[in-house]
Amino acid sequence: MATARRERYRQQTREEAKAVALTQLAESGTAGISVNAIAKAMGMTGPALYRYFAGRDELLTELITDAYRELAAVAVAAAEAADGAAPADRFRALAHALRDWAKQQPDRYLLIYGTPVPGYQAPPETTESAGTLMRTILDACAALDRAAAPTPLEAELARQLEGVPPWAPGPEPDGELKSRALATWTRLHGVISLEVQGQFSGMGFDPAALFEAEIGALVRGA
């Protein structure tokens, strides 16, 4: 019983620390995340909190892993909810789920897709949920009917991607599907990232219209 109680307290302390870290992230970006400042906000000493996190990098890894895991779950849920719909509609549901999550959680979105944190290298395990997310994109792209034949540049990229390590769990796609999924990932996240960072402000158009146009182009294979 005592061991279970200590473990519950440990988990509660870690979750509280992560919540404070997310507040720091929203206020000051990744540069504002400080284990000592978190400890002070929690009424603890820095050395005491270091018993729960080895340092800032471990805390960042937890935040990044949580964000990837949550976004992947959102993507999977969107794809499953649209099961039975036309492939283009399933693709739109997935794309809009990504954008909606980013707009609701801009700081966490930019933590995983924004500027790399100086001096921090994410360990391989943080990308496991990113692989789940890529699998949903691969499956959505595979279901679409490609209207246009691959261009020579697309064919060259597909050739290069044939030999790269797997991006996602499940069946390994061929180079052409990898190329299409990569284009989808970069184009959707490119628009989302610029919108989340406010780069479209004052340009005189609704970013939602741009995003919808990009979805339409991807669905058509343009």
Foldseek 3Di string as FASTA:
>chain_A
DVVVVVVVVLVVLLVQLLVVQLVQCVVPNLVRRALQVSQVVVVHGSVVCCVNPVGSQRSLLVLLLVLLQVLLVQLVVQLVVCPPPQLLVSLVSSLVSNLVVCLVRVSSLCSNVNDDDPPHDHDPVSCQSVQSSLVSLLVSLVRFDAQDDDDPVLVVQLVVVQPDDASHPDDGDGSNSVSLSVVVVCVSVVLSNCVSVVVCPPVPDDSVVVNVVSSVCSSNND
